PDB file of N, CA and C in Angstrom:
ATOM      1  N   UNK A   1      91.908  91.498 103.620  1.00  0.00           N
ATOM      2  CA  UNK A   1      93.088  92.312 103.849  1.00  0.00           C
ATOM      3  C   UNK A   1      93.066  92.975 105.224  1.00  0.00           C
ATOM      4  N   UNK A   2      94.249  93.144 105.756  1.00  0.00           N
ATOM      5  CA  UNK A   2      94.412  93.811 107.040  1.00  0.00           C
ATOM      6  C   UNK A   2      94.695  95.290 106.842  1.00  0.00           C
ATOM      7  N   UNK A   3      95.588  95.597 105.893  1.00  0.00           N
ATOM      8  CA  UNK A   3      96.008  96.974 105.651  1.00  0.00           C
ATOM      9  C   UNK A   3      96.213  97.171 104.161  1.00  0.00           C
ATOM     10  N   UNK A   4      95.784  98.301 103.655  1.00  0.00           N
ATOM     11  CA  UNK A   4      96.021  98.680 102.268  1.00  0.00           C
ATOM     12  C   UNK A   4      96.608 100.080 102.270  1.00  0.00           C
ATOM     13  N   UNK A   5      97.701 100.244 101.535  1.00  0.00           N
ATOM     14  CA  UNK A   5      98.338 101.565 101.422  1.00  0.00           C
ATOM     15  C   UNK A   5      98.570 101.865  99.949  1.00  0.00           C
ATOM     16  N   UNK A   6      98.097 103.030  99.505  1.00  0.00           N
ATOM     17  CA  UNK A   6      98.351 103.483  98.149  1.00  0.00           C
ATOM     18  C   UNK A   6      99.262 104.701  98.187  1.00  0.00           C
ATOM     19  N   UNK A   7     100.352 104.624  97.462  1.00  0.00           N
ATOM     20  CA  UNK A   7     101.307 105.719  97.335  1.00  0.00           C
ATOM     21  C   UNK A   7     100.752 106.801  96.408  1.00  0.00           C
ATOM     22  N   UNK A   8     100.078 106.370  95.369  1.00  0.00           N
ATOM     23  CA  UNK A   8      99.462 107.269  94.398  1.00  0.00           C
ATOM     24  C   UNK A   8      98.274 106.530  93.792  1.00  0.00           C
ATOM     25  N   UNK A   9      97.736 107.017  92.719  1.00  0.00           N
ATOM     26  CA  UNK A   9      96.538 106.395  92.147  1.00  0.00           C
ATOM     27  C   UNK A   9      96.788 105.014  91.551  1.00  0.00           C
ATOM     28  N   UNK A  10      98.039 104.628  91.324  1.00  0.00           N
ATOM     29  CA  UNK A  10      98.339 103.344  90.699  1.00  0.00           C
ATOM     30  C   UNK A  10      99.059 102.346  91.612  1.00  0.00           C
ATOM     31  N   UNK A  11      99.971 102.810  92.465  1.00  0.00           N
ATOM     32  CA  UNK A  11     100.858 101.936  93.251  1.00  0.00           C
ATOM     33  C   UNK A  11     100.320 101.696  94.651  1.00  0.00           C
ATOM     34  N   UNK A  12     100.021 100.420  94.950  1.00  0.00           N
ATOM     35  CA  UNK A  12      99.480 100.075  96.259  1.00  0.00           C
ATOM     36  C   UNK A  12     100.015  98.754  96.777  1.00  0.00           C
ATOM     37  N   UNK A  13      99.944  98.587  98.104  1.00  0.00           N
ATOM     38  CA  UNK A  13     100.357  97.358  98.777  1.00  0.00           C
ATOM     39  C   UNK A  13      99.229  96.919  99.698  1.00  0.00           C
ATOM     40  N   UNK A  14      99.064  95.612  99.852  1.00  0.00           N
ATOM     41  CA  UNK A  14      98.007  95.059 100.678  1.00  0.00           C
ATOM     42  C   UNK A  14      98.571  93.939 101.544  1.00  0.00           C
ATOM     43  N   UNK A  15      98.388  94.077 102.852  1.00  0.00           N
ATOM     44  CA  UNK A  15      98.820  93.063 103.803  1.00  0.00           C
ATOM     45  C   UNK A  15      97.638  92.160 104.138  1.00  0.00           C
ATOM     46  N   UNK A  16      97.899  90.856 104.173  1.00  0.00           N
ATOM     47  CA  UNK A  16      96.862  89.886 104.512  1.00  0.00           C
ATOM     48  C   UNK A  16      97.163  89.222 105.848  1.00  0.00           C
ATOM     49  N   UNK A  17      96.144  88.728 106.498  1.00  0.00           N
ATOM     50  CA  UNK A  17      96.311  88.085 107.804  1.00  0.00           C
ATOM     51  C   UNK A  17      97.076  86.765 107.720  1.00  0.00           C
ATOM     52  N   UNK A  18      97.303  86.249 106.509  1.00  0.00           N
ATOM     53  CA  UNK A  18      98.094  85.026 106.344  1.00  0.00           C
ATOM     54  C   UNK A  18      99.584  85.326 106.197  1.00  0.00           C
ATOM     55  N   UNK A  19      99.977  86.609 106.385  1.00  0.00           N
ATOM     56  CA  UNK A  19     101.375  87.001 106.313  1.00  0.00           C
ATOM     57  C   UNK A  19     101.846  87.418 104.944  1.00  0.00           C
ATOM     58  N   UNK A  20     101.061  87.195 103.927  1.00  0.00           N
ATOM     59  CA  UNK A  20     101.461  87.565 102.565  1.00  0.00           C
ATOM     60  C   UNK A  20     101.235  89.055 102.322  1.00  0.00           C
ATOM     61  N   UNK A  21     102.014  89.592 101.391  1.00  0.00           N
ATOM     62  CA  UNK A  21     101.905  90.986 101.005  1.00  0.00           C
ATOM     63  C   UNK A  21     101.734  91.038  99.495  1.00  0.00           C
ATOM     64  N   UNK A  22     100.741  91.789  99.055  1.00  0.00           N
ATOM     65  CA  UNK A  22     100.490  91.937  97.630  1.00  0.00           C
ATOM     66  C   UNK A  22     100.776  93.351  97.174  1.00  0.00           C
ATOM     67  N   UNK A  23     101.015  93.493  95.876  1.00  0.00           N
ATOM     68  CA  UNK A  23     101.275  94.808  95.301  1.00  0.00           C
ATOM     69  C   UNK A  23     100.465  94.967  94.017  1.00  0.00           C
ATOM     70  N   UNK A  24      99.961  96.178  93.833  1.00  0.00           N
ATOM     71  CA  UNK A  24      99.239  96.529  92.613  1.00  0.00           C
ATOM     72  C   UNK A  24      99.938  97.709  91.955  1.00  0.00           C
ATOM     73  N   UNK A  25     100.012  97.679  90.644  1.00  0.00           N
ATOM     74  CA  UNK A  25     100.565  98.803  89.892  1.00  0.00           C
ATOM     75  C   UNK A  25      99.532  99.378  88.917  1.00  0.00           C
ATOM     76  N   UNK A  26      98.279  98.932  89.089  1.00  0.00           N
ATOM     77  CA  UNK A  26      97.221  99.410  88.194  1.00  0.00           C
ATOM     78  C   UNK A  26      96.000  99.910  88.970  1.00  0.00           C
ATOM     79  N   UNK A  27      96.261 100.537  90.101  1.00  0.00           N
ATOM     80  CA  UNK A  27      95.172 101.121  90.874  1.00  0.00           C
ATOM     81  C   UNK A  27      94.325 100.119  91.628  1.00  0.00           C
ATOM     82  N   UNK A  28      94.818  98.918  91.833  1.00  0.00           N
ATOM     83  CA  UNK A  28      94.088  97.903  92.578  1.00  0.00           C
ATOM     84  C   UNK A  28      93.260  96.961  91.740  1.00  0.00           C
ATOM     85  N   UNK A  29      93.327  97.080  90.425  1.00  0.00           N
ATOM     86  CA  UNK A  29      92.581  96.162  89.562  1.00  0.00           C
ATOM     87  C   UNK A  29      93.131  94.748  89.673  1.00  0.00           C
ATOM     88  N   UNK A  30      94.452  94.641  89.698  1.00  0.00           N
ATOM     89  CA  UNK A  30      95.094  93.338  89.870  1.00  0.00           C
ATOM     90  C   UNK A  30      96.157  93.450  90.951  1.00  0.00           C
ATOM     91  N   UNK A  31      96.434  92.307  91.601  1.00  0.00           N
ATOM     92  CA  UNK A  31      97.415  92.248  92.684  1.00  0.00           C
ATOM     93  C   UNK A  31      98.353  91.072  92.437  1.00  0.00           C
ATOM     94  N   UNK A  32      99.639  91.285  92.768  1.00  0.00           N
ATOM     95  CA  UNK A  32     100.629  90.211  92.681  1.00  0.00           C
ATOM     96  C   UNK A  32     101.188  89.968  94.078  1.00  0.00           C
ATOM     97  N   UNK A  33     101.310  88.711  94.447  1.00  0.00           N
ATOM     98  CA  UNK A  33     101.887  88.340  95.729  1.00  0.00           C
ATOM     99  C   UNK A  33     103.397  88.584  95.644  1.00  0.00           C
ATOM    100  N   UNK A  34     103.942  89.487  96.488  1.00  0.00           N
ATOM    101  CA  UNK A  34     105.366  89.811  96.411  1.00  0.00           C
ATOM    102  C   UNK A  34     106.154  89.352  97.623  1.00  0.00           C
ATOM    103  N   UNK A  35     105.470  88.879  98.667  1.00  0.00           N
ATOM    104  CA  UNK A  35     106.187  88.500  99.887  1.00  0.00           C
ATOM    105  C   UNK A  35     105.675  87.180 100.415  1.00  0.00           C
ATOM    106  N   UNK A  36     106.584  86.232 100.539  1.00  0.00           N
ATOM    107  CA  UNK A  36     106.290  84.980 101.232  1.00  0.00           C
ATOM    108  C   UNK A  36     106.641  85.210 102.692  1.00  0.00           C
ATOM    109  N   UNK A  37     105.717  85.020 103.630  1.00  0.00           N
ATOM    110  CA  UNK A  37     105.993  85.325 105.030  1.00  0.00           C
ATOM    111  C   UNK A  37     107.171  84.539 105.618  1.00  0.00           C
ATOM    112  N   UNK A  38     107.491  83.403 105.057  1.00  0.00           N
ATOM    113  CA  UNK A  38     108.606  82.604 105.575  1.00  0.00           C
ATOM    114  C   UNK A  38     109.948  83.304 105.387  1.00  0.00           C
ATOM    115  N   UNK A  39     110.002  84.295 104.482  1.00  0.00           N
ATOM    116  CA  UNK A  39     111.260  85.017 104.271  1.00  0.00           C
ATOM    117  C   UNK A  39     111.465  86.124 105.303  1.00  0.00           C
ATOM    118  N   UNK A  40     110.433  86.436 106.093  1.00  0.00           N
ATOM    119  CA  UNK A  40     110.533  87.499 107.088  1.00  0.00           C
ATOM    120  C   UNK A  40     110.392  86.962 108.505  1.00  0.00           C
ATOM    121  N   UNK A  41     109.401  86.107 108.729  1.00  0.00           N
ATOM    122  CA  UNK A  41     109.049  85.684 110.075  1.00  0.00           C
ATOM    123  C   UNK A  41     109.152  84.174 110.250  1.00  0.00           C
ATOM    124  N   UNK A  42     109.215  83.774 111.504  1.00  0.00           N
ATOM    125  CA  UNK A  42     109.042  82.366 111.857  1.00  0.00           C
ATOM    126  C   UNK A  42     107.570  82.168 112.196  1.00  0.00           C
ATOM    127  N   UNK A  43     107.042  81.048 111.795  1.00  0.00           N
ATOM    128  CA  UNK A  43     105.633  80.771 112.077  1.00  0.00           C
ATOM    129  C   UNK A  43     105.512  80.240 113.494  1.00  0.00           C
ATOM    130  N   UNK A  44     104.705  80.900 114.295  1.00  0.00           N
ATOM    131  CA  UNK A  44     104.389  80.398 115.624  1.00  0.00           C
ATOM    132  C   UNK A  44     103.092  79.628 115.461  1.00  0.00           C
ATOM    133  N   UNK A  45     102.038  79.960 116.145  1.00  0.00           N
ATOM    134  CA  UNK A  45     100.798  79.284 115.770  1.00  0.00           C
ATOM    135  C   UNK A  45     100.270  79.774 114.427  1.00  0.00           C
ATOM    136  N   UNK A  46     100.562  81.061 114.102  1.00  0.00           N
ATOM    137  CA  UNK A  46     100.134  81.642 112.825  1.00  0.00           C
ATOM    138  C   UNK A  46     101.238  82.568 112.330  1.00  0.00           C
ATOM    139  N   UNK A  47     101.222  82.893 111.033  1.00  0.00           N
ATOM    140  CA  UNK A  47     102.184  83.849 110.502  1.00  0.00           C
ATOM    141  C   UNK A  47     101.865  85.237 111.049  1.00  0.00           C
ATOM    142  N   UNK A  48     102.887  86.003 111.415  1.00  0.00           N
ATOM    143  CA  UNK A  48     102.651  87.425 111.683  1.00  0.00           C
ATOM    144  C   UNK A  48     102.257  88.120 110.377  1.00  0.00           C
ATOM    145  N   UNK A  49     101.849  89.354 110.468  1.00  0.00           N
ATOM    146  CA  UNK A  49     101.458  90.122 109.297  1.00  0.00           C
ATOM    147  C   UNK A  49     101.652  91.600 109.592  1.00  0.00           C
ATOM    148  N   UNK A  50     101.702  92.398 108.534  1.00  0.00           N
ATOM    149  CA  UNK A  50     101.815  93.842 108.706  1.00  0.00           C
ATOM    150  C   UNK A  50     100.437  94.415 109.002  1.00  0.00           C
ATOM    151  N   UNK A  51     100.331  95.082 110.147  1.00  0.00           N
ATOM    152  CA  UNK A  51      99.064  95.716 110.502  1.00  0.00           C
ATOM    153  C   UNK A  51      99.022  97.179 110.075  1.00  0.00           C
ATOM    154  N   UNK A  52     100.190  97.725 109.709  1.00  0.00           N
ATOM    155  CA  UNK A  52     100.269  99.103 109.227  1.00  0.00           C
ATOM    156  C   UNK A  52     101.395  99.188 108.204  1.00  0.00           C
ATOM    157  N   UNK A  53     101.149  99.849 107.088  1.00  0.00           N
ATOM    158  CA  UNK A  53     102.135 100.015 106.020  1.00  0.00           C
ATOM    159  C   UNK A  53     102.258 101.490 105.658  1.00  0.00           C
ATOM    160  N   UNK A  54     103.463 101.868 105.227  1.00  0.00           N
ATOM    161  CA  UNK A  54     103.703 103.213 104.717  1.00  0.00           C
ATOM    162  C   UNK A  54     104.860 103.150 103.733  1.00  0.00           C
ATOM    163  N   UNK A  55     104.696 103.753 102.571  1.00  0.00           N
ATOM    164  CA  UNK A  55     105.758 103.828 101.576  1.00  0.00           C
ATOM    165  C   UNK A  55     106.031 105.289 101.255  1.00  0.00           C
ATOM    166  N   UNK A  56     107.323 105.660 101.268  1.00  0.00           N
ATOM    167  CA  UNK A  56     107.741 107.014 100.915  1.00  0.00           C
ATOM    168  C   UNK A  56     107.811 107.172  99.404  1.00  0.00           C
ATOM    169  N   UNK A  57     108.138 106.080  98.723  1.00  0.00           N
ATOM    170  CA  UNK A  57     108.197 106.037  97.267  1.00  0.00           C
ATOM    171  C   UNK A  57     107.998 104.578  96.856  1.00  0.00           C
ATOM    172  N   UNK A  58     108.175 104.269  95.594  1.00  0.00           N
ATOM    173  CA  UNK A  58     107.865 102.911  95.123  1.00  0.00           C
ATOM    174  C   UNK A  58     108.815 101.842  95.669  1.00  0.00           C
ATOM    175  N   UNK A  59     109.943 102.228  96.230  1.00  0.00           N
ATOM    176  CA  UNK A  59     110.917 101.261  96.731  1.00  0.00           C
ATOM    177  C   UNK A  59     111.028 101.228  98.252  1.00  0.00           C
ATOM    178  N   UNK A  60     110.924 102.365  98.921  1.00  0.00           N
ATOM    179  CA  UNK A  60     111.208 102.484 100.349  1.00  0.00           C
ATOM    180  C   UNK A  60     109.946 102.568 101.185  1.00  0.00           C
ATOM    181  N   UNK A  61     109.812 101.594 102.099  1.00  0.00           N
ATOM    182  CA  UNK A  61     108.626 101.554 102.935  1.00  0.00           C
ATOM    183  C   UNK A  61     108.903 100.965 104.303  1.00  0.00           C
ATOM    184  N   UNK A  62     107.889 101.064 105.165  1.00  0.00           N
ATOM    185  CA  UNK A  62     107.958 100.543 106.519  1.00  0.00           C
ATOM    186  C   UNK A  62     106.669  99.800 106.824  1.00  0.00           C
ATOM    187  N   UNK A  63     106.768  98.803 107.670  1.00  0.00           N
ATOM    188  CA  UNK A  63     105.599  98.051 108.082  1.00  0.00           C
ATOM    189  C   UNK A  63     105.694  97.680 109.548  1.00  0.00           C
ATOM    190  N   UNK A  64     104.609  97.864 110.269  1.00  0.00           N
ATOM    191  CA  UNK A  64     104.522  97.451 111.664  1.00  0.00           C
ATOM    192  C   UNK A  64     103.807  96.112 111.701  1.00  0.00           C
ATOM    193  N   UNK A  65     104.477  95.092 112.243  1.00  0.00           N
ATOM    194  CA  UNK A  65     103.810  93.788 112.297  1.00  0.00           C
ATOM    195  C   UNK A  65     102.927  93.689 113.534  1.00  0.00           C
ATOM    196  N   UNK A  66     102.114  92.666 113.582  1.00  0.00           N
ATOM    197  CA  UNK A  66     101.149  92.520 114.665  1.00  0.00           C
ATOM    198  C   UNK A  66     101.793  92.128 115.996  1.00  0.00           C
ATOM    199  N   UNK A  67     103.106  91.932 116.014  1.00  0.00           N
ATOM    200  CA  UNK A  67     103.824  91.697 117.277  1.00  0.00           C
ATOM    201  C   UNK A  67     104.443  92.986 117.812  1.00  0.00           C
ATOM    202  N   UNK A  68     104.379  94.066 117.039  1.00  0.00           N
ATOM    203  CA  UNK A  68     104.894  95.350 117.489  1.00  0.00           C
ATOM    204  C   UNK A  68     106.281  95.690 117.013  1.00  0.00           C
ATOM    205  N   UNK A  69     106.820  94.946 116.036  1.00  0.00           N
ATOM    206  CA  UNK A  69     108.137  95.236 115.477  1.00  0.00           C
ATOM    207  C   UNK A  69     107.991  96.022 114.179  1.00  0.00           C
ATOM    208  N   UNK A  70     108.891  96.989 113.990  1.00  0.00           N
ATOM    209  CA  UNK A  70     108.888  97.815 112.790  1.00  0.00           C
ATOM    210  C   UNK A  70     109.924  97.292 111.809  1.00  0.00           C
ATOM    211  N   UNK A  71     109.505  97.110 110.559  1.00  0.00           N
ATOM    212  CA  UNK A  71     110.368  96.604 109.487  1.00  0.00           C
ATOM    213  C   UNK A  71     110.511  97.656 108.402  1.00  0.00           C
ATOM    214  N   UNK A  72     111.611  97.527 107.623  1.00  0.00           N
ATOM    215  CA  UNK A  72     111.878  98.437 106.512  1.00  0.00           C
ATOM    216  C   UNK A  72     112.171  97.634 105.254  1.00  0.00           C
ATOM    217  N   UNK A  73     111.748  98.171 104.126  1.00  0.00           N
ATOM    218  CA  UNK A  73     112.071  97.589 102.821  1.00  0.00           C
ATOM    219  C   UNK A  73     112.681  98.665 101.936  1.00  0.00           C
ATOM    220  N   UNK A  74     113.597  98.266 101.078  1.00  0.00           N
ATOM    221  CA  UNK A  74     114.162  99.216 100.115  1.00  0.00           C
ATOM    222  C   UNK A  74     114.053  98.666  98.687  1.00  0.00           C
ATOM    223  N   UNK A  75     113.235  97.608  98.528  1.00  0.00           N
ATOM    224  CA  UNK A  75     113.045  97.026  97.201  1.00  0.00           C
ATOM    225  C   UNK A  75     111.565  96.857  96.844  1.00  0.00           C
ATOM    226  N   UNK A  76     110.742  97.760  97.345  1.00  0.00           N
ATOM    227  CA  UNK A  76     109.325  97.740  96.998  1.00  0.00           C
ATOM    228  C   UNK A  76     108.485  96.750  97.771  1.00  0.00           C
ATOM    229  N   UNK A  77     109.061  96.095  98.787  1.00  0.00           N
ATOM    230  CA  UNK A  77     108.302  95.169  99.621  1.00  0.00           C
ATOM    231  C   UNK A  77     108.637  93.708  99.426  1.00  0.00           C
ATOM    232  N   UNK A  78     109.612  93.402  98.577  1.00  0.00           N
ATOM    233  CA  UNK A  78     109.968  92.000  98.346  1.00  0.00           C
ATOM    234  C   UNK A  78     110.770  91.416  99.507  1.00  0.00           C
ATOM    235  N   UNK A  79     111.643  92.237 100.124  1.00  0.00           N
ATOM    236  CA  UNK A  79     112.394  91.794 101.302  1.00  0.00           C
ATOM    237  C   UNK A  79     112.277  92.857 102.383  1.00  0.00           C
ATOM    238  N   UNK A  80     112.332  92.403 103.630  1.00  0.00           N
ATOM    239  CA  UNK A  80     112.156  93.289 104.783  1.00  0.00           C
ATOM    240  C   UNK A  80     113.218  92.979 105.830  1.00  0.00           C
ATOM    241  N   UNK A  81     113.697  94.021 106.508  1.00  0.00           N
ATOM    242  CA  UNK A  81     114.607  93.853 107.633  1.00  0.00           C
ATOM    243  C   UNK A  81     114.023  94.593 108.835  1.00  0.00           C
ATOM    244  N   UNK A  82     114.302  94.066 110.004  1.00  0.00           N
ATOM    245  CA  UNK A  82     113.782  94.664 111.216  1.00  0.00           C
ATOM    246  C   UNK A  82     114.472  96.006 111.449  1.00  0.00           C
ATOM    247  N   UNK A  83     113.690  97.067 111.575  1.00  0.00           N
ATOM    248  CA  UNK A  83     114.223  98.407 111.823  1.00  0.00           C
ATOM    249  C   UNK A  83     114.249  98.701 113.320  1.00  0.00           C
ATOM    250  N   UNK A  84     113.208  98.293 114.032  1.00  0.00           N
ATOM    251  CA  UNK A  84     113.105  98.492 115.485  1.00  0.00           C
ATOM    252  C   UNK A  84     112.413  97.272 116.066  1.00  0.00           C
ATOM    253  N   UNK A  85     112.993  96.740 117.118  1.00  0.00           N
ATOM    254  CA  UNK A  85     112.338  95.638 117.825  1.00  0.00           C
ATOM    255  C   UNK A  85     112.415  95.903 119.320  1.00  0.00           C
ATOM    256  N   UNK A  86     111.622  95.176 120.058  1.00  0.00           N
ATOM    257  CA  UNK A  86     111.657  95.266 121.510  1.00  0.00           C
ATOM    258  C   UNK A  86     110.733  96.305 122.115  1.00  0.00           C
ATOM    259  N   UNK A  87     110.176  97.212 121.316  1.00  0.00           N
ATOM    260  CA  UNK A  87     109.277  98.229 121.864  1.00  0.00           C
ATOM    261  C   UNK A  87     107.853  97.708 122.002  1.00  0.00           C
ATOM    262  N   UNK A  88     107.509  96.695 121.239  1.00  0.00           N
ATOM    263  CA  UNK A  88     106.143  96.153 121.205  1.00  0.00           C
ATOM    264  C   UNK A  88     105.130  97.266 120.976  1.00  0.00           C
ATOM    265  N   UNK A  89     105.299  97.934 119.848  1.00  0.00           N
ATOM    266  CA  UNK A  89     104.404  99.028 119.495  1.00  0.00           C
ATOM    267  C   UNK A  89     102.990  98.506 119.254  1.00  0.00           C
ATOM    268  N   UNK A  90     102.036  99.203 119.773  1.00  0.00           N
ATOM    269  CA  UNK A  90     100.623  98.852 119.582  1.00  0.00           C
ATOM    270  C   UNK A  90     100.046  99.586 118.379  1.00  0.00           C
ATOM    271  N   UNK A  91     100.605 100.758 118.101  1.00  0.00           N
ATOM    272  CA  UNK A  91     100.123 101.570 116.988  1.00  0.00           C
ATOM    273  C   UNK A  91     101.267 102.451 116.503  1.00  0.00           C
ATOM    274  N   UNK A  92     101.232 102.800 115.233  1.00  0.00           N
ATOM    275  CA  UNK A  92     102.191 103.744 114.669  1.00  0.00           C
ATOM    276  C   UNK A  92     101.447 104.661 113.715  1.00  0.00           C
ATOM    277  N   UNK A  93     101.824 105.919 113.759  1.00  0.00           N
ATOM    278  CA  UNK A  93     101.278 106.897 112.827  1.00  0.00           C
ATOM    279  C   UNK A  93     102.445 107.467 112.040  1.00  0.00           C
ATOM    280  N   UNK A  94     102.470 107.215 110.746  1.00  0.00           N
ATOM    281  CA  UNK A  94     103.514 107.739 109.889  1.00  0.00           C
ATOM    282  C   UNK A  94     103.131 109.172 109.518  1.00  0.00           C
ATOM    283  N   UNK A  95     103.977 110.128 109.902  1.00  0.00           N
ATOM    284  CA  UNK A  95     103.690 111.532 109.639  1.00  0.00           C
ATOM    285  C   UNK A  95     104.187 111.958 108.265  1.00  0.00           C
ATOM    286  N   UNK A  96     105.337 111.433 107.864  1.00  0.00           N
ATOM    287  CA  UNK A  96     105.906 111.669 106.540  1.00  0.00           C
ATOM    288  C   UNK A  96     107.012 110.631 106.340  1.00  0.00           C
ATOM    289  N   UNK A  97     107.807 110.753 105.293  1.00  0.00           N
ATOM    290  CA  UNK A  97     108.815 109.724 105.046  1.00  0.00           C
ATOM    291  C   UNK A  97     110.057 109.869 105.926  1.00  0.00           C
ATOM    292  N   UNK A  98     110.029 110.813 106.871  1.00  0.00           N
ATOM    293  CA  UNK A  98     111.138 110.977 107.809  1.00  0.00           C
ATOM    294  C   UNK A  98     110.759 110.683 109.255  1.00  0.00           C
ATOM    295  N   UNK A  99     109.473 110.712 109.574  1.00  0.00           N
ATOM    296  CA  UNK A  99     109.060 110.688 110.973  1.00  0.00           C
ATOM    297  C   UNK A  99     107.769 109.905 111.202  1.00  0.00           C
ATOM    298  N   UNK A 100     107.762 109.163 112.312  1.00  0.00           N
ATOM    299  CA  UNK A 100     106.558 108.453 112.745  1.00  0.00           C
ATOM    300  C   UNK A 100     106.440 108.587 114.253  1.00  0.00           C
ATOM    301  N   UNK A 101     105.238 108.407 114.763  1.00  0.00           N
ATOM    302  CA  UNK A 101     104.997 108.341 116.197  1.00  0.00           C
ATOM    303  C   UNK A 101     104.505 106.942 116.518  1.00  0.00           C
ATOM    304  N   UNK A 102     105.128 106.312 117.497  1.00  0.00           N
ATOM    305  CA  UNK A 102     104.740 104.963 117.889  1.00  0.00           C
ATOM    306  C   UNK A 102     104.238 104.943 119.316  1.00  0.00           C
ATOM    307  N   UNK A 103     103.256 104.093 119.581  1.00  0.00           N
ATOM    308  CA  UNK A 103     102.676 103.978 120.913  1.00  0.00           C
ATOM    309  C   UNK A 103     102.842 102.544 121.394  1.00  0.00           C
ATOM    310  N   UNK A 104     103.410 102.394 122.597  1.00  0.00           N
ATOM    311  CA  UNK A 104     103.480 101.085 123.249  1.00  0.00           C
ATOM    312  C   UNK A 104     102.662 101.161 124.532  1.00  0.00           C
ATOM    313  N   UNK A 105     102.689 100.091 125.323  1.00  0.00           N
ATOM    314  CA  UNK A 105     101.991 100.130 126.604  1.00  0.00           C
ATOM    315  C   UNK A 105     102.614 101.147 127.546  1.00  0.00           C
ATOM    316  N   UNK A 106     103.922 101.369 127.392  1.00  0.00           N
ATOM    317  CA  UNK A 106     104.656 102.203 128.323  1.00  0.00           C
ATOM    318  C   UNK A 106     104.784 103.665 127.924  1.00  0.00           C
ATOM    319  N   UNK A 107     104.842 103.947 126.611  1.00  0.00           N
ATOM    320  CA  UNK A 107     105.225 105.303 126.229  1.00  0.00           C
ATOM    321  C   UNK A 107     104.822 105.633 124.793  1.00  0.00           C
ATOM    322  N   UNK A 108     105.043 106.902 124.460  1.00  0.00           N
ATOM    323  CA  UNK A 108     104.919 107.409 123.102  1.00  0.00           C
ATOM    324  C   UNK A 108     106.333 107.637 122.590  1.00  0.00           C
ATOM    325  N   UNK A 109     106.635 107.180 121.367  1.00  0.00           N
ATOM    326  CA  UNK A 109     107.965 107.284 120.803  1.00  0.00           C
ATOM    327  C   UNK A 109     107.945 108.103 119.525  1.00  0.00           C
ATOM    328  N   UNK A 110     108.955 108.943 119.395  1.00  0.00           N
ATOM    329  CA  UNK A 110     109.207 109.646 118.145  1.00  0.00           C
ATOM    330  C   UNK A 110     110.229 108.818 117.387  1.00  0.00           C
ATOM    331  N   UNK A 111     109.882 108.358 116.179  1.00  0.00           N
ATOM    332  CA  UNK A 111     110.724 107.421 115.435  1.00  0.00           C
ATOM    333  C   UNK A 111     111.192 108.096 114.156  1.00  0.00           C
ATOM    334  N   UNK A 112     112.519 108.248 114.037  1.00  0.00           N
ATOM    335  CA  UNK A 112     113.115 108.774 112.810  1.00  0.00           C
ATOM    336  C   UNK A 112     113.195 107.632 111.801  1.00  0.00           C
ATOM    337  N   UNK A 113     112.592 107.816 110.655  1.00  0.00           N
ATOM    338  CA  UNK A 113     112.595 106.785 109.609  1.00  0.00           C
ATOM    339  C   UNK A 113     113.797 107.007 108.718  1.00  0.00           C
ATOM    340  N   UNK A 114     114.602 105.973 108.537  1.00  0.00           N
ATOM    341  CA  UNK A 114     115.803 106.073 107.712  1.00  0.00           C
ATOM    342  C   UNK A 114     115.818 104.974 106.704  1.00  0.00           C
TER     343      UNK A 114
END
């Protein structure tokens, strides 16, 4: 796994380097594959993947892919839409479900999460 995020003691998501995203509802004992990378990205030499995940609740979350684009989901991670592109963020720190700070080569960004 590349990134694991737990919302609470039972609900978690796990990003893999093969572009797949898994979800657990039993504290990580079992995982179900909920995202086929072909539904989000085009495969270049390899599938992109989420390097950082954050969920405000069981349905609404954000993920930063390894190319620096920020995505949003409103169905628990089954589908994703691009929220911000073109910044090529190197890192993001989610402060809460309303605000994140993103870092690119050029600048620090304050990102309102909607």
